[in-house]
Amino acid sequence: MKVLTFSDNLAEQNTYVLVHLDRAIIIDPGFNGSKVRDYLNQHRLQIEKILLTHGHFDHIRDLESFSDIPGLAVWIHPEDRIMLYQDEMNYAKAFRARFVLPPNLEIQSSDTEEMVFCNLMLRVIHTPGHTAGSSSFLIQRCLFSGDTLFLDSVGRTDLASGSRKAMHHTIKKLDQMVSNETLIYPGHGMSGRYGSMKTTNPYIYQL
C-alpha cells in the first residue's frame, strides 16, 4: 500500500490517498480535492471510498470535487454526521464560506470497527475529543489521526462537541493500541513515528 499526502493549502490541511493495486481510498478531501482528483485520473485509479476523520469544514470542503461519481460512499461517524448539514457545526463561516453536501454522494454513518480495502484490513477507531465523532483509521501500521493527534500536540477541544476529558481518554487509548513503529499521519502538519512522538508530545509523555 502506498500513502500519498496532499497538503499544498493555506490551512496546511492534509488529505491522504491510500493506493493499493488499482484502487484508492481518500481520507479528508478538505482543501485538496482538485489535485487529488487529477492524480487519480492520471493514474487511472478507482476511488473505493472516502473516509472523514471528522466533520469540520477544512476536512470536508472538497467533497464536491467527487460529486460526479454517483453513489460514491463517504463514511463519517454518526456523532459527526450533523456537521455535513449545519454550517454552525462545521465552522464553514470561519472560512467565510458555506458548505453544501453534494447530493450524489452516499453518506454512510455507522459504529463499524473494520473495513476491507481490497485485501487489506482497515480498523476504525472512535477517538472523540476534538469532536464527539472524531475517528482515526489504522491500516498496516499507519494511523490517520485527523485533528486528534499531532506530532507535538493534540487537537483543540473548545469547539462544538469537543471535550478535554474525552481527548485525555482517547490519547490513553491510542497509547495502548499503537506500537512505537506506527506512522502517525495527522490532519495538519508533519507525520512521524509514534515512538518519536513519545519524546516530543507532552500529551503523550505526561500520561
C-alpha atoms as a PDB file:
ATOM      1  CA  MET A   1       0.000   0.000   0.000  1.00  0.00           C
ATOM      2  CA  LYS A   2       1.203   3.479  -0.901  1.00  0.00           C
ATOM      3  CA  VAL A   3       0.297   6.610   1.087  1.00  0.00           C
ATOM      4  CA  LEU A   4       0.184   9.944  -0.736  1.00  0.00           C
ATOM      5  CA  THR A   5      -0.109  13.280   1.069  1.00  0.00           C
ATOM      6  CA  PHE A   6      -1.696  16.400  -0.441  1.00  0.00           C
ATOM      7  CA  SER A   7      -1.204  19.491   1.727  1.00  0.00           C
ATOM      8  CA  ASP A   8      -0.496  22.480  -0.506  1.00  0.00           C
ATOM      9  CA  ASN A   9      -3.049  24.877   1.003  1.00  0.00           C
ATOM     10  CA  LEU A  10      -3.164  27.789   3.451  1.00  0.00           C
ATOM     11  CA  ALA A  11      -4.528  25.660   6.296  1.00  0.00           C
ATOM     12  CA  GLU A  12      -1.792  23.032   5.813  1.00  0.00           C
ATOM     13  CA  GLN A  13      -4.624  20.510   5.851  1.00  0.00           C
ATOM     14  CA  ASN A  14      -3.548  17.017   4.896  1.00  0.00           C
ATOM     15  CA  THR A  15      -5.550  14.893   2.520  1.00  0.00           C
ATOM     16  CA  TYR A  16      -4.331  11.321   2.284  1.00  0.00           C
ATOM     17  CA  VAL A  17      -4.761   8.940  -0.609  1.00  0.00           C
ATOM     18  CA  LEU A  18      -4.220   5.250   0.106  1.00  0.00           C
ATOM     19  CA  VAL A  19      -3.374   3.343  -3.064  1.00  0.00           C
ATOM     20  CA  HIS A  20      -3.399  -0.434  -3.360  1.00  0.00           C
ATOM     21  CA  LEU A  21      -3.457  -2.236  -6.695  1.00  0.00           C
ATOM     22  CA  ASP A  22      -5.765  -0.113  -8.881  1.00  0.00           C
ATOM     23  CA  ARG A  23      -7.929   1.204  -6.031  1.00  0.00           C
ATOM     24  CA  ALA A  24      -7.778   4.241  -3.791  1.00  0.00           C
ATOM     25  CA  ILE A  25      -9.279   5.460  -0.539  1.00  0.00           C
ATOM     26  CA  ILE A  26      -9.348   9.188   0.173  1.00  0.00           C
ATOM     27  CA  ILE A  27      -9.117  10.484   3.732  1.00  0.00           C
ATOM     28  CA  ASP A  28     -10.343  14.044   4.404  1.00  0.00           C
ATOM     29  CA  PRO A  29     -10.571  15.745   0.985  1.00  0.00           C
ATOM     30  CA  GLY A  30     -10.626  19.158   2.650  1.00  0.00           C
ATOM     31  CA  PHE A  31      -8.702  21.705   0.605  1.00  0.00           C
ATOM     32  CA  ASN A  32      -7.007  19.369  -1.855  1.00  0.00           C
ATOM     33  CA  GLY A  33      -9.844  17.898  -3.905  1.00  0.00           C
ATOM     34  CA  SER A  34      -8.917  19.024  -7.404  1.00  0.00           C
ATOM     35  CA  LYS A  35      -5.283  17.922  -7.106  1.00  0.00           C
ATOM     36  CA  VAL A  36      -6.324  14.563  -5.708  1.00  0.00           C
ATOM     37  CA  ARG A  37      -8.834  14.069  -8.491  1.00  0.00           C
ATOM     38  CA  ASP A  38      -6.253  14.971 -11.135  1.00  0.00           C
ATOM     39  CA  TYR A  39      -3.808  12.453  -9.688  1.00  0.00           C
ATOM     40  CA  LEU A  40      -6.385   9.669  -9.571  1.00  0.00           C
ATOM     41  CA  ASN A  41      -7.477  10.345 -13.138  1.00  0.00           C
ATOM     42  CA  GLN A  42      -3.902  10.490 -14.375  1.00  0.00           C
ATOM     43  CA  HIS A  43      -3.064   7.131 -12.816  1.00  0.00           C
ATOM     44  CA  ARG A  44      -6.446   5.557 -13.662  1.00  0.00           C
ATOM     45  CA  LEU A  45      -7.231   4.709 -10.060  1.00  0.00           C
ATOM     46  CA  GLN A  46     -10.731   3.809  -8.960  1.00  0.00           C
ATOM     47  CA  ILE A  47     -11.985   5.526  -5.803  1.00  0.00           C
ATOM     48  CA  GLU A  48     -13.335   2.896  -3.469  1.00  0.00           C
ATOM     49  CA  LYS A  49     -14.459   5.161  -0.629  1.00  0.00           C
ATOM     50  CA  ILE A  50     -13.940   8.498   1.100  1.00  0.00           C
ATOM     51  CA  LEU A  51     -13.292   8.451   4.846  1.00  0.00           C
ATOM     52  CA  LEU A  52     -13.753  11.502   7.076  1.00  0.00           C
ATOM     53  CA  THR A  53     -11.912  11.736  10.383  1.00  0.00           C
ATOM     54  CA  HIS A  54     -14.425  14.400  11.482  1.00  0.00           C
ATOM     55  CA  GLY A  55     -16.864  16.912  10.072  1.00  0.00           C
ATOM     56  CA  HIS A  56     -15.099  20.285  10.167  1.00  0.00           C
ATOM     57  CA  PHE A  57     -15.151  22.380   7.000  1.00  0.00           C
ATOM     58  CA  ASP A  58     -11.417  22.238   6.356  1.00  0.00           C
ATOM     59  CA  HIS A  59     -11.686  18.452   6.114  1.00  0.00           C
ATOM     60  CA  ILE A  60     -14.880  18.166   4.061  1.00  0.00           C
ATOM     61  CA  ARG A  61     -14.977  21.185   1.713  1.00  0.00           C
ATOM     62  CA  ASP A  62     -13.781  19.460  -1.437  1.00  0.00           C
ATOM     63  CA  LEU A  63     -16.201  16.570  -1.344  1.00  0.00           C
ATOM     64  CA  GLU A  64     -17.712  18.473  -4.260  1.00  0.00           C
ATOM     65  CA  SER A  65     -14.686  17.513  -6.372  1.00  0.00           C
ATOM     66  CA  PHE A  66     -16.075  13.966  -6.386  1.00  0.00           C
ATOM     67  CA  SER A  67     -19.763  14.777  -6.743  1.00  0.00           C
ATOM     68  CA  ASP A  68     -19.910  13.483 -10.311  1.00  0.00           C
ATOM     69  CA  ILE A  69     -19.336   9.917  -9.136  1.00  0.00           C
ATOM     70  CA  PRO A  70     -22.846   8.568  -8.442  1.00  0.00           C
ATOM     71  CA  GLY A  71     -23.190   6.554  -5.276  1.00  0.00           C
ATOM     72  CA  LEU A  72     -19.632   7.165  -4.078  1.00  0.00           C
ATOM     73  CA  ALA A  73     -19.570   6.133  -0.417  1.00  0.00           C
ATOM     74  CA  VAL A  74     -18.477   8.673   2.183  1.00  0.00           C
ATOM     75  CA  TRP A  75     -18.040   7.379   5.725  1.00  0.00           C
ATOM     76  CA  ILE A  76     -18.313   9.579   8.812  1.00  0.00           C
ATOM     77  CA  HIS A  77     -19.002   8.650  12.425  1.00  0.00           C
ATOM     78  CA  PRO A  78     -22.686   9.063  13.407  1.00  0.00           C
ATOM     79  CA  GLU A  79     -21.791  11.687  16.049  1.00  0.00           C
ATOM     80  CA  ASP A  80     -20.354  13.978  13.354  1.00  0.00           C
ATOM     81  CA  ARG A  81     -22.874  13.356  10.580  1.00  0.00           C
ATOM     82  CA  ILE A  82     -24.825  16.506  11.513  1.00  0.00           C
ATOM     83  CA  MET A  83     -21.788  18.587  10.555  1.00  0.00           C
ATOM     84  CA  LEU A  84     -22.354  17.742   6.907  1.00  0.00           C
ATOM     85  CA  TYR A  85     -25.646  19.645   7.065  1.00  0.00           C
ATOM     86  CA  GLN A  86     -25.103  22.508   9.532  1.00  0.00           C
ATOM     87  CA  ASP A  87     -22.516  25.218   8.929  1.00  0.00           C
ATOM     88  CA  GLU A  88     -22.777  26.247  12.571  1.00  0.00           C
ATOM     89  CA  MET A  89     -21.328  22.862  13.450  1.00  0.00           C
ATOM     90  CA  ASN A  90     -18.713  22.515  10.700  1.00  0.00           C
ATOM     91  CA  TYR A  91     -17.439  26.113  11.038  1.00  0.00           C
ATOM     92  CA  ALA A  92     -17.641  26.979   7.353  1.00  0.00           C
ATOM     93  CA  LYS A  93     -18.356  30.572   8.402  1.00  0.00           C
ATOM     94  CA  ALA A  94     -14.894  30.783   9.948  1.00  0.00           C
ATOM     95  CA  PHE A  95     -13.616  30.455   6.379  1.00  0.00           C
ATOM     96  CA  ARG A  96     -16.238  32.928   5.072  1.00  0.00           C
ATOM     97  CA  ALA A  97     -17.833  30.079   3.170  1.00  0.00           C
ATOM     98  CA  ARG A  98     -20.844  27.790   3.044  1.00  0.00           C
ATOM     99  CA  PHE A  99     -20.873  24.036   2.709  1.00  0.00           C
ATOM    100  CA  VAL A 100     -23.484  22.232   0.657  1.00  0.00           C
ATOM    101  CA  LEU A 101     -23.287  18.457   0.642  1.00  0.00           C
ATOM    102  CA  PRO A 102     -23.290  17.122  -2.949  1.00  0.00           C
ATOM    103  CA  PRO A 103     -26.485  15.066  -3.435  1.00  0.00           C
ATOM    104  CA  ASN A 104     -24.885  12.243  -5.432  1.00  0.00           C
ATOM    105  CA  LEU A 105     -22.705  11.048  -2.578  1.00  0.00           C
ATOM    106  CA  GLU A 106     -23.826   8.146  -0.394  1.00  0.00           C
ATOM    107  CA  ILE A 107     -23.261   9.067   3.240  1.00  0.00           C
ATOM    108  CA  GLN A 108     -22.506   6.117   5.481  1.00  0.00           C
ATOM    109  CA  SER A 109     -22.636   6.523   9.262  1.00  0.00           C
ATOM    110  CA  SER A 110     -22.065   3.547  11.480  1.00  0.00           C
ATOM    111  CA  ASP A 111     -20.159   2.342  14.513  1.00  0.00           C
ATOM    112  CA  THR A 112     -18.237  -0.103  12.356  1.00  0.00           C
ATOM    113  CA  GLU A 113     -14.824  -1.134  13.626  1.00  0.00           C
ATOM    114  CA  GLU A 114     -13.421  -2.703  10.472  1.00  0.00           C
ATOM    115  CA  MET A 115     -13.460  -2.157   6.730  1.00  0.00           C
ATOM    116  CA  VAL A 116     -11.797  -4.062   3.912  1.00  0.00           C
ATOM    117  CA  PHE A 117      -9.719  -2.149   1.369  1.00  0.00           C
ATOM    118  CA  CYS A 118      -9.002  -4.591  -1.451  1.00  0.00           C
ATOM    119  CA  ASN A 119      -7.408  -7.405   0.571  1.00  0.00           C
ATOM    120  CA  LEU A 120      -6.253  -5.160   3.439  1.00  0.00           C
ATOM    121  CA  MET A 121      -7.989  -4.716   6.785  1.00  0.00           C
ATOM    122  CA  LEU A 122      -8.627  -1.141   7.892  1.00  0.00           C
ATOM    123  CA  ARG A 123      -9.562  -0.566  11.521  1.00  0.00           C
ATOM    124  CA  VAL A 124     -11.843   2.317  12.518  1.00  0.00           C
ATOM    125  CA  ILE A 125     -11.101   3.723  15.973  1.00  0.00           C
ATOM    126  CA  HIS A 126     -13.526   6.143  17.629  1.00  0.00           C
ATOM    127  CA  THR A 127     -11.290   8.898  19.023  1.00  0.00           C
ATOM    128  CA  PRO A 128     -13.541  11.628  20.494  1.00  0.00           C
ATOM    129  CA  GLY A 129     -12.146  14.818  21.935  1.00  0.00           C
ATOM    130  CA  HIS A 130     -11.689  17.265  19.067  1.00  0.00           C
ATOM    131  CA  THR A 131     -15.282  16.432  18.130  1.00  0.00           C
ATOM    132  CA  ALA A 132     -17.662  13.836  19.527  1.00  0.00           C
ATOM    133  CA  GLY A 133     -17.408  11.751  16.370  1.00  0.00           C
ATOM    134  CA  SER A 134     -13.713  12.099  15.614  1.00  0.00           C
ATOM    135  CA  SER A 135     -12.287   8.856  14.260  1.00  0.00           C
ATOM    136  CA  SER A 136      -8.877   7.516  13.350  1.00  0.00           C
ATOM    137  CA  PHE A 137      -8.032   4.868  10.781  1.00  0.00           C
ATOM    138  CA  LEU A 138      -5.384   2.184  11.319  1.00  0.00           C
ATOM    139  CA  ILE A 139      -4.034   0.159   8.431  1.00  0.00           C
ATOM    140  CA  GLN A 140      -0.645  -1.556   8.019  1.00  0.00           C
ATOM    141  CA  ARG A 141       0.970   0.280  10.960  1.00  0.00           C
ATOM    142  CA  CYS A 142      -0.266   3.617   9.646  1.00  0.00           C
ATOM    143  CA  LEU A 143      -2.636   5.670  11.822  1.00  0.00           C
ATOM    144  CA  PHE A 144      -4.572   8.510  10.201  1.00  0.00           C
ATOM    145  CA  SER A 145      -5.467  10.585  13.232  1.00  0.00           C
ATOM    146  CA  GLY A 146      -7.247  13.642  11.819  1.00  0.00           C
ATOM    147  CA  ASP A 147      -7.216  16.515  14.311  1.00  0.00           C
ATOM    148  CA  THR A 148      -6.938  14.191  17.286  1.00  0.00           C
ATOM    149  CA  LEU A 149      -3.193  13.641  17.445  1.00  0.00           C
ATOM    150  CA  PHE A 150      -0.432  15.819  16.007  1.00  0.00           C
ATOM    151  CA  LEU A 151       3.334  15.395  16.058  1.00  0.00           C
ATOM    152  CA  ASP A 152       3.773  17.584  19.153  1.00  0.00           C
ATOM    153  CA  SER A 153       0.245  18.275  20.362  1.00  0.00           C
ATOM    154  CA  VAL A 154      -3.416  17.281  20.196  1.00  0.00           C
ATOM    155  CA  GLY A 155      -6.462  18.893  18.600  1.00  0.00           C
ATOM    156  CA  ARG A 156      -8.316  21.723  20.270  1.00  0.00           C
ATOM    157  CA  THR A 157     -11.292  20.747  22.393  1.00  0.00           C
ATOM    158  CA  ASP A 158     -13.114  24.074  22.748  1.00  0.00           C
ATOM    159  CA  LEU A 159     -15.250  23.803  19.600  1.00  0.00           C
ATOM    160  CA  ALA A 160     -18.745  22.341  19.302  1.00  0.00           C
ATOM    161  CA  SER A 161     -18.951  18.783  20.741  1.00  0.00           C
ATOM    162  CA  GLY A 162     -15.286  18.891  21.767  1.00  0.00           C
ATOM    163  CA  SER A 163     -14.253  17.551  25.163  1.00  0.00           C
ATOM    164  CA  ARG A 164     -10.961  17.834  27.022  1.00  0.00           C
ATOM    165  CA  LYS A 165     -11.856  14.831  29.175  1.00  0.00           C
ATOM    166  CA  ALA A 166     -12.709  12.715  26.143  1.00  0.00           C
ATOM    167  CA  MET A 167      -9.443  13.744  24.476  1.00  0.00           C
ATOM    168  CA  HIS A 168      -7.456  12.587  27.506  1.00  0.00           C
ATOM    169  CA  HIS A 169      -9.170   9.188  27.421  1.00  0.00           C
ATOM    170  CA  THR A 170      -8.601   8.966  23.663  1.00  0.00           C
ATOM    171  CA  ILE A 171      -4.857   9.619  23.926  1.00  0.00           C
ATOM    172  CA  LYS A 172      -4.569   6.980  26.655  1.00  0.00           C
ATOM    173  CA  LYS A 173      -6.466   4.509  24.451  1.00  0.00           C
ATOM    174  CA  LEU A 174      -4.262   5.178  21.427  1.00  0.00           C
ATOM    175  CA  ASP A 175      -1.129   4.838  23.546  1.00  0.00           C
ATOM    176  CA  GLN A 176      -2.212   1.308  24.412  1.00  0.00           C
ATOM    177  CA  MET A 177      -3.181   0.405  20.855  1.00  0.00           C
ATOM    178  CA  VAL A 178      -0.367   1.598  18.603  1.00  0.00           C
ATOM    179  CA  SER A 179       3.252   0.470  18.509  1.00  0.00           C
ATOM    180  CA  ASN A 180       6.348   2.674  18.503  1.00  0.00           C
ATOM    181  CA  GLU A 181       6.813   1.841  14.819  1.00  0.00           C
ATOM    182  CA  THR A 182       3.350   3.078  13.844  1.00  0.00           C
ATOM    183  CA  LEU A 183       3.437   6.034  11.459  1.00  0.00           C
ATOM    184  CA  ILE A 184       1.083   8.801  12.558  1.00  0.00           C
ATOM    185  CA  TYR A 185      -0.492  10.812   9.739  1.00  0.00           C
ATOM    186  CA  PRO A 186      -2.264  13.854  11.288  1.00  0.00           C
ATOM    187  CA  GLY A 187      -4.853  16.185   9.815  1.00  0.00           C
ATOM    188  CA  HIS A 188      -2.355  19.052   9.758  1.00  0.00           C
ATOM    189  CA  GLY A 189       1.418  19.206   9.819  1.00  0.00           C
ATOM    190  CA  MET A 190       4.094  16.564   9.548  1.00  0.00           C
ATOM    191  CA  SER A 191       3.847  12.816  10.071  1.00  0.00           C
ATOM    192  CA  GLY A 192       6.123  10.808  12.331  1.00  0.00           C
ATOM    193  CA  ARG A 193       6.589   7.541  14.174  1.00  0.00           C
ATOM    194  CA  TYR A 194       4.740   7.132  17.435  1.00  0.00           C
ATOM    195  CA  GLY A 195       7.911   6.172  19.292  1.00  0.00           C
ATOM    196  CA  SER A 196       9.480   9.514  18.440  1.00  0.00           C
ATOM    197  CA  MET A 197       6.310  11.381  19.399  1.00  0.00           C
ATOM    198  CA  LYS A 198       6.591   9.961  22.897  1.00  0.00           C
ATOM    199  CA  THR A 199       9.579  12.268  23.445  1.00  0.00           C
ATOM    200  CA  THR A 200       8.198  15.384  21.732  1.00  0.00           C
ATOM    201  CA  ASN A 201       4.481  15.377  22.504  1.00  0.00           C
ATOM    202  CA  PRO A 202       3.717  16.322  26.140  1.00  0.00           C
ATOM    203  CA  TYR A 203       0.198  14.921  25.889  1.00  0.00           C
ATOM    204  CA  ILE A 204       1.795  11.502  25.422  1.00  0.00           C
ATOM    205  CA  TYR A 205       4.885  11.567  27.625  1.00  0.00           C
ATOM    206  CA  GLN A 206       2.894  13.020  30.538  1.00  0.00           C
ATOM    207  CA  LEU A 207       0.359  10.181  30.513  1.00  0.00           C
END
